[in-house]
Amino acid sequence: MMEAVQANSAQKDPRSVLQGIDGSNKSAAKKAAKEFEAVFLNNMLQMMFTGLEEGGTWGAGNGAEAWRGLLVNEYAESIADAGGIGLADAVERELIALQEASQ
């Protein structure tokens, strides 16, 4: 059980989202770019919340770290769904450009 919580709250390499993407499928490129942005935002937000005092939203119990990871993940996905910070658009353009250059 604890391994699942740790795996869920562990930071993910944003580049891993882009591996194996079919560049000829523009909707897949868009989805991958949006997921890349969400993972990037998750990593950034995790760093922002590191070192905050115990308590507050998550409490100070044993599960506080897991709940913080889940909440930060939801924040990241919500920001990406709402248009993000413009990273997904840039990544999508690059994926499409790479696909066009490979043809």
PDB file of N, CA and C in Angstrom:
ATOM      1  N   MET A   1       0.834  -1.195   0.000  1.00  0.00           N
ATOM      2  CA  MET A   1       0.000   0.000   0.000  1.00  0.00           C
ATOM      3  C   MET A   1       0.873   1.251   0.000  1.00  0.00           C
ATOM      4  N   MET A   2       1.892   1.278   0.849  1.00  0.00           N
ATOM      5  CA  MET A   2       2.750   2.453   0.945  1.00  0.00           C
ATOM      6  C   MET A   2       3.517   2.674  -0.352  1.00  0.00           C
ATOM      7  N   GLU A   3       3.915   1.574  -1.048  1.00  0.00           N
ATOM      8  CA  GLU A   3       4.618   1.722  -2.307  1.00  0.00           C
ATOM      9  C   GLU A   3       3.732   2.401  -3.342  1.00  0.00           C
ATOM     10  N   ALA A   4       2.439   2.077  -3.350  1.00  0.00           N
ATOM     11  CA  ALA A   4       1.519   2.701  -4.293  1.00  0.00           C
ATOM     12  C   ALA A   4       1.394   4.186  -4.021  1.00  0.00           C
ATOM     13  N   VAL A   5       1.357   4.564  -2.767  1.00  0.00           N
ATOM     14  CA  VAL A   5       1.274   5.979  -2.415  1.00  0.00           C
ATOM     15  C   VAL A   5       2.551   6.690  -2.817  1.00  0.00           C
ATOM     16  N   GLN A   6       3.698   6.077  -2.551  1.00  0.00           N
ATOM     17  CA  GLN A   6       4.962   6.691  -2.913  1.00  0.00           C
ATOM     18  C   GLN A   6       5.101   6.804  -4.421  1.00  0.00           C
ATOM     19  N   ALA A   7       4.681   5.777  -5.160  1.00  0.00           N
ATOM     20  CA  ALA A   7       4.765   5.822  -6.619  1.00  0.00           C
ATOM     21  C   ALA A   7       3.855   6.899  -7.173  1.00  0.00           C
ATOM     22  N   ASN A   8       2.702   7.085  -6.559  1.00  0.00           N
ATOM     23  CA  ASN A   8       1.757   8.085  -7.019  1.00  0.00           C
ATOM     24  C   ASN A   8       2.262   9.494  -6.771  1.00  0.00           C
ATOM     25  N   SER A   9       2.969   9.708  -5.688  1.00  0.00           N
ATOM     26  CA  SER A   9       3.425  11.045  -5.362  1.00  0.00           C
ATOM     27  C   SER A   9       4.828  11.327  -5.883  1.00  0.00           C
ATOM     28  N   ALA A  10       5.501  10.314  -6.442  1.00  0.00           N
ATOM     29  CA  ALA A  10       6.849  10.511  -6.978  1.00  0.00           C
ATOM     30  C   ALA A  10       6.776  11.376  -8.227  1.00  0.00           C
ATOM     31  N   GLN A  11       7.817  12.155  -8.426  1.00  0.00           N
ATOM     32  CA  GLN A  11       7.852  13.015  -9.589  1.00  0.00           C
ATOM     33  C   GLN A  11       8.118  12.182 -10.835  1.00  0.00           C
ATOM     34  N   LYS A  12       7.516  12.603 -11.924  1.00  0.00           N
ATOM     35  CA  LYS A  12       7.616  11.908 -13.185  1.00  0.00           C
ATOM     36  C   LYS A  12       8.425  12.774 -14.143  1.00  0.00           C
ATOM     37  N   ASP A  13       9.232  12.155 -14.975  1.00  0.00           N
ATOM     38  CA  ASP A  13      10.008  12.890 -15.963  1.00  0.00           C
ATOM     39  C   ASP A  13       9.062  13.312 -17.083  1.00  0.00           C
ATOM     40  N   PRO A  14       8.892  14.613 -17.337  1.00  0.00           N
ATOM     41  CA  PRO A  14       7.962  15.055 -18.374  1.00  0.00           C
ATOM     42  C   PRO A  14       8.274  14.475 -19.746  1.00  0.00           C
ATOM     43  N   ARG A  15       9.548  14.214 -20.041  1.00  0.00           N
ATOM     44  CA  ARG A  15       9.910  13.680 -21.360  1.00  0.00           C
ATOM     45  C   ARG A  15       9.360  12.285 -21.583  1.00  0.00           C
ATOM     46  N   SER A  16       9.095  11.539 -20.518  1.00  0.00           N
ATOM     47  CA  SER A  16       8.588  10.179 -20.673  1.00  0.00           C
ATOM     48  C   SER A  16       7.194  10.171 -21.302  1.00  0.00           C
ATOM     49  N   VAL A  17       6.479  11.257 -21.166  1.00  0.00           N
ATOM     50  CA  VAL A  17       5.138  11.361 -21.748  1.00  0.00           C
ATOM     51  C   VAL A  17       5.208  11.386 -23.269  1.00  0.00           C
ATOM     52  N   LEU A  18       6.292  11.908 -23.819  1.00  0.00           N
ATOM     53  CA  LEU A  18       6.400  12.097 -25.265  1.00  0.00           C
ATOM     54  C   LEU A  18       6.964  10.886 -25.993  1.00  0.00           C
ATOM     55  N   GLN A  19       7.454   9.895 -25.287  1.00  0.00           N
ATOM     56  CA  GLN A  19       8.039   8.726 -25.933  1.00  0.00           C
ATOM     57  C   GLN A  19       6.958   7.872 -26.575  1.00  0.00           C
ATOM     58  N   GLY A  20       7.220   7.462 -27.801  1.00  0.00           N
ATOM     59  CA  GLY A  20       6.302   6.576 -28.509  1.00  0.00           C
ATOM     60  C   GLY A  20       5.091   7.260 -29.104  1.00  0.00           C
ATOM     61  N   ILE A  21       5.109   8.581 -29.222  1.00  0.00           N
ATOM     62  CA  ILE A  21       3.971   9.305 -29.788  1.00  0.00           C
ATOM     63  C   ILE A  21       4.010   9.204 -31.300  1.00  0.00           C
ATOM     64  N   ASP A  22       2.887   8.890 -31.907  1.00  0.00           N
ATOM     65  CA  ASP A  22       2.761   8.858 -33.365  1.00  0.00           C
ATOM     66  C   ASP A  22       2.586  10.290 -33.847  1.00  0.00           C
ATOM     67  N   GLY A  23       3.604  10.827 -34.453  1.00  0.00           N
ATOM     68  CA  GLY A  23       3.581  12.221 -34.896  1.00  0.00           C
ATOM     69  C   GLY A  23       2.597  12.505 -36.005  1.00  0.00           C
ATOM     70  N   SER A  24       2.172  11.455 -36.738  1.00  0.00           N
ATOM     71  CA  SER A  24       1.233  11.675 -37.832  1.00  0.00           C
ATOM     72  C   SER A  24      -0.193  11.876 -37.325  1.00  0.00           C
ATOM     73  N   ASN A  25      -0.441  11.540 -36.074  1.00  0.00           N
ATOM     74  CA  ASN A  25      -1.765  11.692 -35.486  1.00  0.00           C
ATOM     75  C   ASN A  25      -1.786  12.996 -34.691  1.00  0.00           C
ATOM     76  N   LYS A  26      -2.402  14.033 -35.260  1.00  0.00           N
ATOM     77  CA  LYS A  26      -2.371  15.349 -34.621  1.00  0.00           C
ATOM     78  C   LYS A  26      -3.125  15.378 -33.300  1.00  0.00           C
ATOM     79  N   SER A  27      -4.181  14.599 -33.166  1.00  0.00           N
ATOM     80  CA  SER A  27      -4.899  14.584 -31.882  1.00  0.00           C
ATOM     81  C   SER A  27      -4.051  13.903 -30.805  1.00  0.00           C
ATOM     82  N   ALA A  28      -3.264  12.894 -31.199  1.00  0.00           N
ATOM     83  CA  ALA A  28      -2.359  12.247 -30.232  1.00  0.00           C
ATOM     84  C   ALA A  28      -1.259  13.215 -29.822  1.00  0.00           C
ATOM     85  N   ALA A  29      -0.768  14.021 -30.781  1.00  0.00           N
ATOM     86  CA  ALA A  29       0.263  15.014 -30.467  1.00  0.00           C
ATOM     87  C   ALA A  29      -0.286  16.060 -29.503  1.00  0.00           C
ATOM     88  N   LYS A  30      -1.521  16.484 -29.729  1.00  0.00           N
ATOM     89  CA  LYS A  30      -2.142  17.476 -28.853  1.00  0.00           C
ATOM     90  C   LYS A  30      -2.330  16.914 -27.444  1.00  0.00           C
ATOM     91  N   LYS A  31      -2.801  15.670 -27.373  1.00  0.00           N
ATOM     92  CA  LYS A  31      -3.015  15.026 -26.075  1.00  0.00           C
ATOM     93  C   LYS A  31      -1.687  14.853 -25.336  1.00  0.00           C
ATOM     94  N   ALA A  32      -0.655  14.414 -26.051  1.00  0.00           N
ATOM     95  CA  ALA A  32       0.657  14.216 -25.428  1.00  0.00           C
ATOM     96  C   ALA A  32       1.235  15.538 -24.949  1.00  0.00           C
ATOM     97  N   ALA A  33       1.051  16.591 -25.731  1.00  0.00           N
ATOM     98  CA  ALA A  33       1.566  17.909 -25.353  1.00  0.00           C
ATOM     99  C   ALA A  33       0.865  18.416 -24.092  1.00  0.00           C
ATOM    100  N   LYS A  34      -0.439  18.192 -24.013  1.00  0.00           N
ATOM    101  CA  LYS A  34      -1.203  18.618 -22.832  1.00  0.00           C
ATOM    102  C   LYS A  34      -0.777  17.816 -21.601  1.00  0.00           C
ATOM    103  N   GLU A  35      -0.561  16.510 -21.787  1.00  0.00           N
ATOM    104  CA  GLU A  35      -0.119  15.677 -20.672  1.00  0.00           C
ATOM    105  C   GLU A  35       1.297  16.069 -20.239  1.00  0.00           C
ATOM    106  N   PHE A  36       2.153  16.407 -21.208  1.00  0.00           N
ATOM    107  CA  PHE A  36       3.507  16.875 -20.896  1.00  0.00           C
ATOM    108  C   PHE A  36       3.430  18.111 -20.013  1.00  0.00           C
ATOM    109  N   GLU A  37       2.560  19.058 -20.391  1.00  0.00           N
ATOM    110  CA  GLU A  37       2.419  20.281 -19.606  1.00  0.00           C
ATOM    111  C   GLU A  37       1.913  19.975 -18.196  1.00  0.00           C
ATOM    112  N   ALA A  38       0.963  19.056 -18.070  1.00  0.00           N
ATOM    113  CA  ALA A  38       0.434  18.694 -16.752  1.00  0.00           C
ATOM    114  C   ALA A  38       1.528  18.080 -15.875  1.00  0.00           C
ATOM    115  N   VAL A  39       2.368  17.221 -16.455  1.00  0.00           N
ATOM    116  CA  VAL A  39       3.455  16.609 -15.686  1.00  0.00           C
ATOM    117  C   VAL A  39       4.476  17.674 -15.291  1.00  0.00           C
ATOM    118  N   PHE A  40       4.794  18.574 -16.217  1.00  0.00           N
ATOM    119  CA  PHE A  40       5.721  19.662 -15.908  1.00  0.00           C
ATOM    120  C   PHE A  40       5.177  20.525 -14.767  1.00  0.00           C
ATOM    121  N   LEU A  41       3.901  20.889 -14.855  1.00  0.00           N
ATOM    122  CA  LEU A  41       3.284  21.704 -13.807  1.00  0.00           C
ATOM    123  C   LEU A  41       3.258  20.960 -12.477  1.00  0.00           C
ATOM    124  N   ASN A  42       3.007  19.653 -12.519  1.00  0.00           N
ATOM    125  CA  ASN A  42       3.015  18.855 -11.296  1.00  0.00           C
ATOM    126  C   ASN A  42       4.384  18.931 -10.638  1.00  0.00           C
ATOM    127  N   ASN A  43       5.449  18.736 -11.419  1.00  0.00           N
ATOM    128  CA  ASN A  43       6.800  18.815 -10.864  1.00  0.00           C
ATOM    129  C   ASN A  43       7.084  20.192 -10.279  1.00  0.00           C
ATOM    130  N   MET A  44       6.657  21.229 -10.982  1.00  0.00           N
ATOM    131  CA  MET A  44       6.883  22.590 -10.518  1.00  0.00           C
ATOM    132  C   MET A  44       6.107  22.865  -9.221  1.00  0.00           C
ATOM    133  N   LEU A  45       4.848  22.453  -9.184  1.00  0.00           N
ATOM    134  CA  LEU A  45       4.026  22.683  -7.997  1.00  0.00           C
ATOM    135  C   LEU A  45       4.517  21.853  -6.808  1.00  0.00           C
ATOM    136  N   GLN A  46       4.986  20.631  -7.061  1.00  0.00           N
ATOM    137  CA  GLN A  46       5.527  19.815  -5.971  1.00  0.00           C
ATOM    138  C   GLN A  46       6.674  20.559  -5.291  1.00  0.00           C
ATOM    139  N   MET A  47       7.530  21.180  -6.106  1.00  0.00           N
ATOM    140  CA  MET A  47       8.655  21.941  -5.550  1.00  0.00           C
ATOM    141  C   MET A  47       8.164  23.149  -4.747  1.00  0.00           C
ATOM    142  N   MET A  48       7.091  23.760  -5.193  1.00  0.00           N
ATOM    143  CA  MET A  48       6.555  24.925  -4.485  1.00  0.00           C
ATOM    144  C   MET A  48       6.028  24.544  -3.102  1.00  0.00           C
ATOM    145  N   PHE A  49       5.458  23.350  -2.990  1.00  0.00           N
ATOM    146  CA  PHE A  49       4.869  22.927  -1.724  1.00  0.00           C
ATOM    147  C   PHE A  49       5.867  22.230  -0.810  1.00  0.00           C
ATOM    148  N   THR A  50       7.054  21.908  -1.320  1.00  0.00           N
ATOM    149  CA  THR A  50       8.074  21.264  -0.499  1.00  0.00           C
ATOM    150  C   THR A  50       8.558  22.237   0.576  1.00  0.00           C
ATOM    151  N   GLY A  51       8.647  21.764   1.786  1.00  0.00           N
ATOM    152  CA  GLY A  51       9.162  22.585   2.873  1.00  0.00           C
ATOM    153  C   GLY A  51       8.118  23.424   3.592  1.00  0.00           C
ATOM    154  N   LEU A  52       6.864  23.350   3.160  1.00  0.00           N
ATOM    155  CA  LEU A  52       5.823  24.074   3.888  1.00  0.00           C
ATOM    156  C   LEU A  52       5.590  23.404   5.235  1.00  0.00           C
ATOM    157  N   GLU A  53       5.139  24.177   6.168  1.00  0.00           N
ATOM    158  CA  GLU A  53       4.856  23.640   7.496  1.00  0.00           C
ATOM    159  C   GLU A  53       3.780  22.573   7.424  1.00  0.00           C
ATOM    160  N   GLU A  54       3.851  21.633   8.335  1.00  0.00           N
ATOM    161  CA  GLU A  54       2.821  20.607   8.440  1.00  0.00           C
ATOM    162  C   GLU A  54       1.517  21.258   8.890  1.00  0.00           C
ATOM    163  N   GLY A  55       0.448  20.626   8.525  1.00  0.00           N
ATOM    164  CA  GLY A  55      -0.856  21.146   8.924  1.00  0.00           C
ATOM    165  C   GLY A  55      -1.545  21.786   7.736  1.00  0.00           C
ATOM    166  N   GLY A  56      -2.427  22.692   8.009  1.00  0.00           N
ATOM    167  CA  GLY A  56      -3.155  23.353   6.934  1.00  0.00           C
ATOM    168  C   GLY A  56      -4.078  22.392   6.215  1.00  0.00           C
ATOM    169  N   THR A  57      -4.098  22.475   4.926  1.00  0.00           N
ATOM    170  CA  THR A  57      -4.996  21.688   4.094  1.00  0.00           C
ATOM    171  C   THR A  57      -4.837  20.193   4.297  1.00  0.00           C
ATOM    172  N   TRP A  58      -3.598  19.722   4.456  1.00  0.00           N
ATOM    173  CA  TRP A  58      -3.336  18.294   4.500  1.00  0.00           C
ATOM    174  C   TRP A  58      -3.265  17.732   5.909  1.00  0.00           C
ATOM    175  N   GLY A  59      -3.261  18.535   6.901  1.00  0.00           N
ATOM    176  CA  GLY A  59      -3.120  18.043   8.260  1.00  0.00           C
ATOM    177  C   GLY A  59      -1.688  17.644   8.545  1.00  0.00           C
ATOM    178  N   ALA A  60      -1.473  16.959   9.637  1.00  0.00           N
ATOM    179  CA  ALA A  60      -0.109  16.588  10.017  1.00  0.00           C
ATOM    180  C   ALA A  60       0.019  15.092  10.259  1.00  0.00           C
ATOM    181  N   GLY A  61      -0.935  14.313   9.805  1.00  0.00           N
ATOM    182  CA  GLY A  61      -0.904  12.870  10.051  1.00  0.00           C
ATOM    183  C   GLY A  61      -0.015  12.126   9.073  1.00  0.00           C
ATOM    184  N   ASN A  62      -0.072  10.808   9.181  1.00  0.00           N
ATOM    185  CA  ASN A  62       0.761   9.952   8.343  1.00  0.00           C
ATOM    186  C   ASN A  62       0.427  10.073   6.855  1.00  0.00           C
ATOM    187  N   GLY A  63      -0.802  10.306   6.513  1.00  0.00           N
ATOM    188  CA  GLY A  63      -1.208  10.365   5.109  1.00  0.00           C
ATOM    189  C   GLY A  63      -1.118  11.740   4.487  1.00  0.00           C
ATOM    190  N   ALA A  64      -0.629  12.714   5.218  1.00  0.00           N
ATOM    191  CA  ALA A  64      -0.596  14.090   4.714  1.00  0.00           C
ATOM    192  C   ALA A  64       0.202  14.203   3.426  1.00  0.00           C
ATOM    193  N   GLU A  65       1.327  13.522   3.343  1.00  0.00           N
ATOM    194  CA  GLU A  65       2.185  13.598   2.157  1.00  0.00           C
ATOM    195  C   GLU A  65       1.466  13.034   0.932  1.00  0.00           C
ATOM    196  N   ALA A  66       0.741  11.941   1.117  1.00  0.00           N
ATOM    197  CA  ALA A  66       0.001  11.340   0.004  1.00  0.00           C
ATOM    198  C   ALA A  66      -1.106  12.268  -0.474  1.00  0.00           C
ATOM    199  N   TRP A  67      -1.842  12.835   0.452  1.00  0.00           N
ATOM    200  CA  TRP A  67      -2.916  13.742   0.062  1.00  0.00           C
ATOM    201  C   TRP A  67      -2.371  14.979  -0.643  1.00  0.00           C
ATOM    202  N   ARG A  68      -1.233  15.475  -0.181  1.00  0.00           N
ATOM    203  CA  ARG A  68      -0.639  16.641  -0.834  1.00  0.00           C
ATOM    204  C   ARG A  68      -0.277  16.300  -2.275  1.00  0.00           C
ATOM    205  N   GLY A  69       0.313  15.130  -2.489  1.00  0.00           N
ATOM    206  CA  GLY A  69       0.669  14.711  -3.841  1.00  0.00           C
ATOM    207  C   GLY A  69      -0.541  14.611  -4.754  1.00  0.00           C
ATOM    208  N   LEU A  70      -1.624  14.048  -4.220  1.00  0.00           N
ATOM    209  CA  LEU A  70      -2.849  13.927  -5.016  1.00  0.00           C
ATOM    210  C   LEU A  70      -3.448  15.291  -5.337  1.00  0.00           C
ATOM    211  N   LEU A  71      -3.463  16.176  -4.356  1.00  0.00           N
ATOM    212  CA  LEU A  71      -4.029  17.506  -4.571  1.00  0.00           C
ATOM    213  C   LEU A  71      -3.190  18.314  -5.555  1.00  0.00           C
ATOM    214  N   VAL A  72      -1.886  18.241  -5.435  1.00  0.00           N
ATOM    215  CA  VAL A  72      -1.004  18.959  -6.346  1.00  0.00           C
ATOM    216  C   VAL A  72      -1.180  18.420  -7.769  1.00  0.00           C
ATOM    217  N   ASN A  73      -1.356  17.116  -7.899  1.00  0.00           N
ATOM    218  CA  ASN A  73      -1.604  16.530  -9.224  1.00  0.00           C
ATOM    219  C   ASN A  73      -2.895  17.079  -9.818  1.00  0.00           C
ATOM    220  N   GLU A  74      -3.935  17.190  -9.010  1.00  0.00           N
ATOM    221  CA  GLU A  74      -5.203  17.749  -9.491  1.00  0.00           C
ATOM    222  C   GLU A  74      -5.043  19.217  -9.883  1.00  0.00           C
ATOM    223  N   TYR A  75      -4.281  19.973  -9.099  1.00  0.00           N
ATOM    224  CA  TYR A  75      -3.998  21.366  -9.458  1.00  0.00           C
ATOM    225  C   TYR A  75      -3.338  21.431 -10.829  1.00  0.00           C
ATOM    226  N   ALA A  76      -2.317  20.600 -11.037  1.00  0.00           N
ATOM    227  CA  ALA A  76      -1.577  20.608 -12.300  1.00  0.00           C
ATOM    228  C   ALA A  76      -2.488  20.257 -13.474  1.00  0.00           C
ATOM    229  N   GLU A  77      -3.312  19.229 -13.319  1.00  0.00           N
ATOM    230  CA  GLU A  77      -4.208  18.833 -14.401  1.00  0.00           C
ATOM    231  C   GLU A  77      -5.260  19.906 -14.663  1.00  0.00           C
ATOM    232  N   SER A  78      -5.762  20.546 -13.617  1.00  0.00           N
ATOM    233  CA  SER A  78      -6.754  21.616 -13.790  1.00  0.00           C
ATOM    234  C   SER A  78      -6.153  22.812 -14.520  1.00  0.00           C
ATOM    235  N   ILE A  79      -4.925  23.168 -14.172  1.00  0.00           N
ATOM    236  CA  ILE A  79      -4.262  24.286 -14.852  1.00  0.00           C
ATOM    237  C   ILE A  79      -4.054  23.945 -16.323  1.00  0.00           C
ATOM    238  N   ALA A  80      -3.588  22.725 -16.608  1.00  0.00           N
ATOM    239  CA  ALA A  80      -3.368  22.306 -17.997  1.00  0.00           C
ATOM    240  C   ALA A  80      -4.681  22.279 -18.774  1.00  0.00           C
ATOM    241  N   ASP A  81      -5.763  21.784 -18.153  1.00  0.00           N
ATOM    242  CA  ASP A  81      -7.069  21.738 -18.817  1.00  0.00           C
ATOM    243  C   ASP A  81      -7.615  23.131 -19.108  1.00  0.00           C
ATOM    244  N   ALA A  82      -7.266  24.086 -18.270  1.00  0.00           N
ATOM    245  CA  ALA A  82      -7.765  25.456 -18.435  1.00  0.00           C
ATOM    246  C   ALA A  82      -6.926  26.278 -19.413  1.00  0.00           C
ATOM    247  N   GLY A  83      -5.976  25.648 -20.082  1.00  0.00           N
ATOM    248  CA  GLY A  83      -5.160  26.367 -21.047  1.00  0.00           C
ATOM    249  C   GLY A  83      -3.701  26.415 -20.662  1.00  0.00           C
ATOM    250  N   GLY A  84      -3.416  26.075 -19.432  1.00  0.00           N
ATOM    251  CA  GLY A  84      -2.037  25.971 -18.981  1.00  0.00           C
ATOM    252  C   GLY A  84      -1.245  27.261 -19.059  1.00  0.00           C
ATOM    253  N   ILE A  85       0.043  27.092 -19.269  1.00  0.00           N
ATOM    254  CA  ILE A  85       0.958  28.232 -19.319  1.00  0.00           C
ATOM    255  C   ILE A  85       1.529  28.412 -20.722  1.00  0.00           C
ATOM    256  N   GLY A  86       0.946  27.733 -21.700  1.00  0.00           N
ATOM    257  CA  GLY A  86       1.388  27.866 -23.085  1.00  0.00           C
ATOM    258  C   GLY A  86       2.411  26.832 -23.503  1.00  0.00           C
ATOM    259  N   LEU A  87       2.807  25.991 -22.601  1.00  0.00           N
ATOM    260  CA  LEU A  87       3.815  24.987 -22.899  1.00  0.00           C
ATOM    261  C   LEU A  87       3.267  23.914 -23.845  1.00  0.00           C
ATOM    262  N   ALA A  88       2.032  23.506 -23.657  1.00  0.00           N
ATOM    263  CA  ALA A  88       1.443  22.452 -24.496  1.00  0.00           C
ATOM    264  C   ALA A  88       1.395  22.883 -25.955  1.00  0.00           C
ATOM    265  N   ASP A  89       1.053  24.128 -26.214  1.00  0.00           N
ATOM    266  CA  ASP A  89       0.988  24.613 -27.599  1.00  0.00           C
ATOM    267  C   ASP A  89       2.362  24.543 -28.259  1.00  0.00           C
ATOM    268  N   ALA A  90       3.387  24.953 -27.541  1.00  0.00           N
ATOM    269  CA  ALA A  90       4.748  24.919 -28.086  1.00  0.00           C
ATOM    270  C   ALA A  90       5.215  23.488 -28.331  1.00  0.00           C
ATOM    271  N   VAL A  91       4.923  22.591 -27.398  1.00  0.00           N
ATOM    272  CA  VAL A  91       5.312  21.192 -27.552  1.00  0.00           C
ATOM    273  C   VAL A  91       4.566  20.571 -28.724  1.00  0.00           C
ATOM    274  N   GLU A  92       3.281  20.859 -28.861  1.00  0.00           N
ATOM    275  CA  GLU A  92       2.490  20.323 -29.975  1.00  0.00           C
ATOM    276  C   GLU A  92       3.063  20.787 -31.310  1.00  0.00           C
ATOM    277  N   ARG A  93       3.404  22.076 -31.411  1.00  0.00           N
ATOM    278  CA  ARG A  93       3.997  22.590 -32.661  1.00  0.00           C
ATOM    279  C   ARG A  93       5.295  21.866 -32.990  1.00  0.00           C
ATOM    280  N   GLU A  94       6.121  21.625 -31.981  1.00  0.00           N
ATOM    281  CA  GLU A  94       7.388  20.932 -32.207  1.00  0.00           C
ATOM    282  C   GLU A  94       7.179  19.481 -32.613  1.00  0.00           C
ATOM    283  N   LEU A  95       6.220  18.806 -31.995  1.00  0.00           N
ATOM    284  CA  LEU A  95       5.930  17.421 -32.371  1.00  0.00           C
ATOM    285  C   LEU A  95       5.464  17.336 -33.820  1.00  0.00           C
ATOM    286  N   ILE A  96       4.606  18.252 -34.215  1.00  0.00           N
ATOM    287  CA  ILE A  96       4.113  18.259 -35.589  1.00  0.00           C
ATOM    288  C   ILE A  96       5.240  18.612 -36.559  1.00  0.00           C
ATOM    289  N   ALA A  97       6.077  19.574 -36.192  1.00  0.00           N
ATOM    290  CA  ALA A  97       7.216  19.950 -37.041  1.00  0.00           C
ATOM    291  C   ALA A  97       8.183  18.764 -37.196  1.00  0.00           C
ATOM    292  N   LEU A  98       8.442  18.048 -36.115  1.00  0.00           N
ATOM    293  CA  LEU A  98       9.312  16.873 -36.201  1.00  0.00           C
ATOM    294  C   LEU A  98       8.708  15.804 -37.104  1.00  0.00           C
ATOM    295  N   GLN A  99       7.406  15.639 -36.999  1.00  0.00           N
ATOM    296  CA  GLN A  99       6.730  14.634 -37.841  1.00  0.00           C
ATOM    297  C   GLN A  99       6.815  15.046 -39.305  1.00  0.00           C
ATOM    298  N   GLU A 100       6.592  16.320 -39.611  1.00  0.00           N
ATOM    299  CA  GLU A 100       6.646  16.778 -40.985  1.00  0.00           C
ATOM    300  C   GLU A 100       8.054  16.696 -41.552  1.00  0.00           C
ATOM    301  N   ALA A 101       9.053  16.957 -40.724  1.00  0.00           N
ATOM    302  CA  ALA A 101      10.445  16.895 -41.165  1.00  0.00           C
ATOM    303  C   ALA A 101      10.891  15.467 -41.442  1.00  0.00           C
ATOM    304  N   SER A 102      10.267  14.507 -40.774  1.00  0.00           N
ATOM    305  CA  SER A 102      10.659  13.105 -40.956  1.00  0.00           C
ATOM    306  C   SER A 102      10.043  12.484 -42.193  1.00  0.00           C
ATOM    307  N   GLN A 103       9.137  13.173 -42.862  1.00  0.00           N
ATOM    308  CA  GLN A 103       8.484  12.613 -44.054  1.00  0.00           C
ATOM    309  C   GLN A 103       9.234  12.931 -45.309  1.00  0.00           C
TER     310      GLN A 103
END
